[in-house]
Protein backbone atom coordinates (compact mmCIF):
# COMPACT_ATOMS: atom_id res chain seq x y z
CA UNK A 1 0.00 0.00 0.00
CA UNK A 2 1.47 3.31 -1.11
CA UNK A 3 1.90 6.00 1.52
CA UNK A 4 -0.26 9.12 1.28
CA UNK A 5 1.50 12.48 1.22
CA UNK A 6 0.60 14.95 3.98
CA UNK A 7 2.16 18.07 2.43
CA UNK A 8 3.37 19.24 -0.95
CA UNK A 9 5.76 22.07 -1.68
CA UNK A 10 9.37 22.78 -2.59
CA UNK A 11 12.81 22.96 -0.99
CA UNK A 12 14.48 26.32 -1.62
CA UNK A 13 18.21 25.54 -1.84
CA UNK A 14 19.95 28.75 -2.89
CA UNK A 15 18.47 29.52 -6.30
CA UNK A 16 17.57 25.85 -6.77
CA UNK A 17 13.96 24.75 -6.22
CA UNK A 18 13.20 21.07 -5.52
CA UNK A 19 9.50 20.12 -5.69
CA UNK A 20 8.79 17.48 -3.03
CA UNK A 21 6.02 15.61 -1.23
CA UNK A 22 6.07 14.93 2.49
CA UNK A 23 5.19 11.56 4.01
CA UNK A 24 4.95 10.48 7.63
CA UNK A 25 7.95 8.22 8.21
CA UNK A 26 6.78 6.33 11.28
CA UNK A 27 3.67 4.50 12.46
CA UNK A 28 2.82 3.35 15.96
CA UNK A 29 1.77 -0.24 16.61
CA UNK A 30 0.21 0.31 20.01
CA UNK A 31 -3.14 -1.25 20.84
CA UNK A 32 -5.89 1.35 20.68
CA UNK A 33 -8.58 0.88 23.29
CA UNK A 34 -12.09 2.33 23.31
CA UNK A 35 -13.99 3.48 26.35
CA UNK A 36 -16.93 1.07 26.74
CA UNK A 37 -19.76 0.25 29.11
CA UNK A 38 -18.54 -2.61 31.33
CA UNK A 39 -22.01 -4.20 31.42
CA UNK A 40 -22.56 -4.67 27.67
CA UNK A 41 -19.39 -3.46 25.89
CA UNK A 42 -21.17 -0.57 24.20
CA UNK A 43 -18.97 2.29 22.99
CA UNK A 44 -19.19 5.51 25.01
CA UNK A 45 -20.20 8.52 22.92
CA UNK A 46 -19.58 12.17 23.75
CA UNK A 47 -21.71 15.14 22.85
CA UNK A 48 -20.30 18.55 21.92
CA UNK A 49 -22.11 20.82 24.35
CA UNK A 50 -21.58 24.58 24.69
CA UNK A 51 -20.62 25.63 28.23
CA UNK A 52 -22.50 28.94 27.86
CA UNK A 53 -25.90 28.07 26.36
CA UNK A 54 -25.89 24.36 27.18
CA UNK A 55 -26.93 23.43 23.65
CA UNK A 56 -25.42 20.58 21.62
CA UNK A 57 -23.29 22.11 18.85
CA UNK A 58 -22.90 20.82 15.31
CA UNK A 59 -19.33 20.25 14.15
CA UNK A 60 -19.78 22.82 11.37
CA UNK A 61 -20.50 25.49 14.01
CA UNK A 62 -17.26 24.86 15.91
CA UNK A 63 -14.22 27.07 15.37
CA UNK A 64 -11.02 27.88 17.27
CA UNK A 65 -10.86 30.25 20.22
CA UNK A 66 -8.04 31.62 22.36
CA UNK A 67 -8.78 32.66 25.94
CA UNK A 68 -6.99 35.78 27.14
CA UNK A 69 -5.69 36.26 30.69
CA UNK A 70 -8.73 38.43 31.51
CA UNK A 71 -11.14 35.68 30.46
CA UNK A 72 -12.16 37.10 27.09
CA UNK A 73 -12.34 34.61 24.22
CA UNK A 74 -10.85 35.58 20.84
CA UNK A 75 -12.65 33.74 18.03
CA UNK A 76 -10.36 32.68 15.16
CA UNK A 77 -11.71 31.71 11.74
CA UNK A 78 -9.81 29.92 8.98
CA UNK A 79 -9.40 33.16 7.01
CA UNK A 80 -7.69 34.74 10.02
CA UNK A 81 -4.91 32.18 9.81
CA UNK A 82 -4.57 32.78 6.07
CA UNK A 83 -3.83 36.47 6.78
CA UNK A 84 -0.90 35.79 9.12
CA UNK A 85 2.16 37.89 8.14
CA UNK A 86 4.41 34.85 7.66
CA UNK A 87 5.44 32.77 4.68
CA UNK A 88 3.00 29.93 4.11
CA UNK A 89 3.73 29.44 0.43
CA UNK A 90 4.44 25.72 0.64
CA UNK A 91 8.20 26.18 0.79
CA UNK A 92 10.98 24.57 2.80
CA UNK A 93 13.59 27.30 3.17
CA UNK A 94 17.16 26.12 3.79
CA UNK A 95 18.66 28.49 6.39
CA UNK A 96 22.09 26.94 6.94
CA UNK A 97 24.07 23.69 7.04
CA UNK A 98 25.49 22.36 10.31
CA UNK A 99 27.27 19.20 11.57
CA UNK A 100 24.81 16.62 12.90
CA UNK A 101 26.49 16.44 16.32
CA UNK A 102 25.74 20.13 16.98
CA UNK A 103 21.98 19.51 17.32
CA UNK A 104 20.76 18.07 20.61
CA UNK A 105 18.18 15.27 19.96
CA UNK A 106 15.89 16.90 22.56
CA UNK A 107 14.80 19.30 19.81
CA UNK A 108 13.56 16.59 17.43
CA UNK A 109 9.81 16.14 17.16
CA UNK A 110 8.39 14.24 14.15
CA UNK A 111 10.03 12.50 11.19
CA UNK A 112 8.99 12.66 7.54
CA UNK A 113 10.23 11.27 4.21
CA UNK A 114 10.70 13.66 1.30
CA UNK A 115 9.92 12.39 -2.21
CA UNK A 116 10.81 14.45 -5.28
CA UNK A 117 8.47 15.14 -8.16
CA UNK A 118 9.59 13.45 -11.37
CA UNK A 119 11.07 16.66 -12.79
CA UNK A 120 12.93 17.35 -9.51
CA UNK A 121 14.77 14.03 -9.15
CA UNK A 122 18.13 15.40 -10.32
CA UNK A 123 18.41 18.39 -7.91
CA UNK A 124 16.98 16.16 -5.15
CA UNK A 125 19.75 13.59 -5.61
CA UNK A 126 22.29 16.42 -5.88
CA UNK A 127 21.27 17.81 -2.47
CA UNK A 128 21.19 14.33 -0.95
CA UNK A 129 24.69 13.48 -2.19
CA UNK A 130 26.04 16.86 -1.07
CA UNK A 131 24.76 16.24 2.46
CA UNK A 132 26.37 12.80 2.49
CA UNK A 133 29.70 14.09 1.18
CA UNK A 134 29.89 17.01 3.63
CA UNK A 135 28.40 15.21 6.63
CA UNK A 136 26.07 18.15 7.20
CA UNK A 137 22.40 18.61 8.04
CA UNK A 138 20.25 21.28 6.42
CA UNK A 139 18.48 23.52 8.95
CA UNK A 140 15.19 24.64 7.39
CA UNK A 141 11.91 26.39 8.12
CA UNK A 142 8.56 24.94 7.07
CA UNK A 143 4.90 25.72 7.77
CA UNK A 144 2.75 22.63 8.36
CA UNK A 145 -0.90 22.81 9.42
CA UNK A 146 -0.73 26.57 9.98
CA UNK A 147 2.32 26.32 12.24
CA UNK A 148 5.82 27.45 11.34
CA UNK A 149 8.56 25.20 12.67
CA UNK A 150 12.27 24.61 12.45
CA UNK A 151 13.41 21.32 10.96
CA UNK A 152 16.48 19.48 9.75
CA UNK A 153 16.95 17.55 6.52
CA UNK A 154 19.44 14.70 6.27
CA UNK A 155 20.18 11.80 3.96
CA UNK A 156 19.14 8.29 5.03
CA UNK A 157 19.11 5.20 2.82
CA UNK A 158 19.15 7.26 -0.41
CA UNK A 159 16.18 9.34 0.76
CA UNK A 160 15.99 12.81 2.28
CA UNK A 161 14.46 12.71 5.76
CA UNK A 162 13.07 15.73 7.58
CA UNK A 163 12.85 16.03 11.37
CA UNK A 164 10.62 18.82 12.65
CA UNK A 165 12.01 20.54 15.74
CA UNK A 166 10.82 22.34 18.84
CA UNK A 167 11.69 26.01 19.33
CA UNK A 168 14.25 26.79 22.06
CA UNK A 169 11.60 28.32 24.36
CA UNK A 170 9.63 25.06 24.19
CA UNK A 171 12.44 23.11 25.88
CA UNK A 172 11.98 23.08 29.64
CA UNK A 173 15.00 23.71 31.84
CA UNK A 174 16.02 20.88 34.16
CA UNK A 175 15.61 22.30 37.64
CA UNK A 176 16.17 19.72 40.37
CA UNK A 177 17.34 20.07 43.96
CA UNK A 178 20.20 17.60 43.58
CA UNK A 179 21.89 19.88 41.03
CA UNK A 180 22.61 22.33 43.87
CA UNK A 181 24.19 19.61 46.01
CA UNK A 182 27.86 18.69 46.09
CA UNK A 183 27.57 15.00 45.21
CA UNK A 184 30.90 13.18 45.50
CA UNK A 185 31.76 10.20 43.31
CA UNK A 186 34.72 8.14 44.45
CA UNK A 187 37.43 7.37 41.83
CA UNK A 188 37.06 3.59 42.28
CA UNK A 189 33.29 3.87 41.71
CA UNK A 190 33.83 5.87 38.52
CA UNK A 191 36.40 3.32 37.34
CA UNK A 192 34.00 0.44 37.97
CA UNK A 193 31.09 2.29 36.33
CA UNK A 194 33.29 2.93 33.28
CA UNK A 195 34.16 -0.76 33.20
CA UNK A 196 30.45 -1.61 33.26
CA UNK A 197 29.77 0.73 30.34
CA UNK A 198 32.63 -0.80 28.34
CA UNK A 199 31.52 -4.36 29.08
CA UNK A 200 27.99 -3.57 27.84
CA UNK A 201 29.14 -1.62 24.76
CA UNK A 202 28.05 -2.83 21.32
CA UNK A 203 26.88 -1.78 17.86
CA UNK A 204 23.29 -0.50 17.82
CA UNK A 205 20.95 -2.80 15.90
CA UNK A 206 17.29 -1.84 16.48
CA UNK A 207 16.09 -5.22 15.16
CA UNK A 208 17.54 -6.96 18.23
CA UNK A 209 15.11 -5.18 20.57
CA UNK A 210 11.49 -6.19 21.12
CA UNK A 211 8.45 -4.56 22.70
CA UNK A 212 7.87 -7.09 25.47
CA UNK A 213 4.92 -5.17 26.90
CA UNK A 214 3.09 -5.14 23.56
CA UNK A 215 3.75 -8.86 23.02
CA UNK A 216 2.42 -9.67 26.51
CA UNK A 217 -0.64 -7.46 25.99
CA UNK A 218 -1.37 -9.19 22.68
CA UNK A 219 -1.32 -12.58 24.44
CA UNK A 220 -3.70 -11.36 27.15
CA UNK A 221 -6.16 -9.92 24.58
CA UNK A 222 -6.05 -13.14 22.54
CA UNK A 223 -6.66 -15.25 25.65
CA UNK A 224 -9.62 -13.13 26.77
CA UNK A 225 -11.09 -13.22 23.25
CA UNK A 226 -10.99 -17.03 23.28
CA UNK A 227 -12.10 -17.34 26.89
CA UNK A 228 -8.84 -19.09 27.69
CA UNK A 229 -6.78 -18.90 30.85
CA UNK A 230 -4.68 -15.78 31.07
CA UNK A 231 -0.90 -16.25 30.80
CA UNK A 232 0.94 -16.07 34.11
CA UNK A 233 3.16 -13.15 34.90
CA UNK A 234 6.83 -14.20 35.04
CA UNK A 235 8.46 -14.04 38.44
CA UNK A 236 10.71 -11.07 39.08
CA UNK A 237 14.41 -11.83 38.84
CA UNK A 238 16.11 -12.18 42.21
CA UNK A 239 18.90 -9.61 42.17
CA UNK A 240 20.24 -10.65 45.59
CA UNK A 241 21.15 -8.42 48.49
CA UNK A 242 23.16 -5.40 47.44
CA UNK A 243 25.22 -3.95 50.28
CA UNK A 244 26.44 -0.74 48.66
CA UNK A 245 26.97 1.02 45.33
CA UNK A 246 30.42 -0.48 44.78
CA UNK A 247 29.12 -4.01 45.32
CA UNK A 248 26.28 -3.37 42.88
CA UNK A 249 28.75 -2.16 40.26
CA UNK A 250 31.07 -5.15 40.73
CA UNK A 251 28.21 -7.65 40.42
CA UNK A 252 26.87 -5.81 37.38
CA UNK A 253 30.24 -5.99 35.61
CA UNK A 254 30.53 -9.72 36.36
CA UNK A 255 27.01 -10.35 35.04
CA UNK A 256 27.63 -8.28 31.89
CA UNK A 257 30.86 -10.11 31.10
CA UNK A 258 29.22 -13.49 31.67
CA UNK A 259 26.34 -12.49 29.38
CA UNK A 260 28.75 -11.33 26.70
CA UNK A 261 30.66 -14.64 26.79
CA UNK A 262 27.40 -16.59 26.56
CA UNK A 263 26.31 -14.57 23.53
CA UNK A 264 29.66 -15.16 21.81
CA UNK A 265 29.31 -18.93 22.29
CA UNK A 266 25.82 -18.92 20.75
CA UNK A 267 26.86 -16.76 17.79
CA UNK A 268 27.45 -18.70 14.53
CA UNK A 269 31.11 -18.93 13.50
CA UNK A 270 32.33 -16.37 10.99
CA UNK A 271 33.00 -17.67 7.50
CA UNK A 272 36.58 -17.58 6.36
CA UNK A 273 37.28 -15.56 3.27
CA UNK A 274 37.91 -17.82 0.29
CA UNK A 275 41.23 -17.39 -1.43
CA UNK A 276 41.19 -16.46 -5.06
């Protein structure tokens, strides 16, 4: 099934224009539950009722409103958004190019694929290859659903990918009491913690991770649907008595090393390169 585009416009790259379509790059596989009546399973419906007159309101009579600090409500119609003094001309404006490591992932919001129109394939590939060769990300501005946002464009698997970003004032500052405390870490603890990190280090492969909660929930739903006995919850792993932080670190390192050796034994042997 072909993906449906959610936006259509053009990347402005200097004097080069690249016509593109935007596609949502991810999809969630969570179970979606409905609110139902416990007695008969009937779906719960909600009415749109006005808090002022108490009348049920048709969807066509609903618009957006912004409440001011003094309680007044400012009614906004669709044409009001069209008159905003910002660029909404379906363009993705490239502002600058920066190294990927300079952008903190906390800014990233949603991910989209960019597909070029047939006539724009050549400049599209040119921009993609330039990003790969320079190791840079394009910082851009785009307006989606009447909201202007920052974004980055990068190359991934021969496709340009766009990540929308939060604005700096949307990132909350971490303010916690412990940051004002003088917390001391002993050198031997840091050495052991570093050893634990190194013993658990590996190459990231997302396919090796599974959503255990979703798998368990699927089994419970299937069992209830068939009227079968529900699967038993596995017993919690006995971690033993931990005396102090150093002991916990030492035991963790031993367990990590033992797990790594076990994984190496199970791994299939590497094939030897054939000689020509």
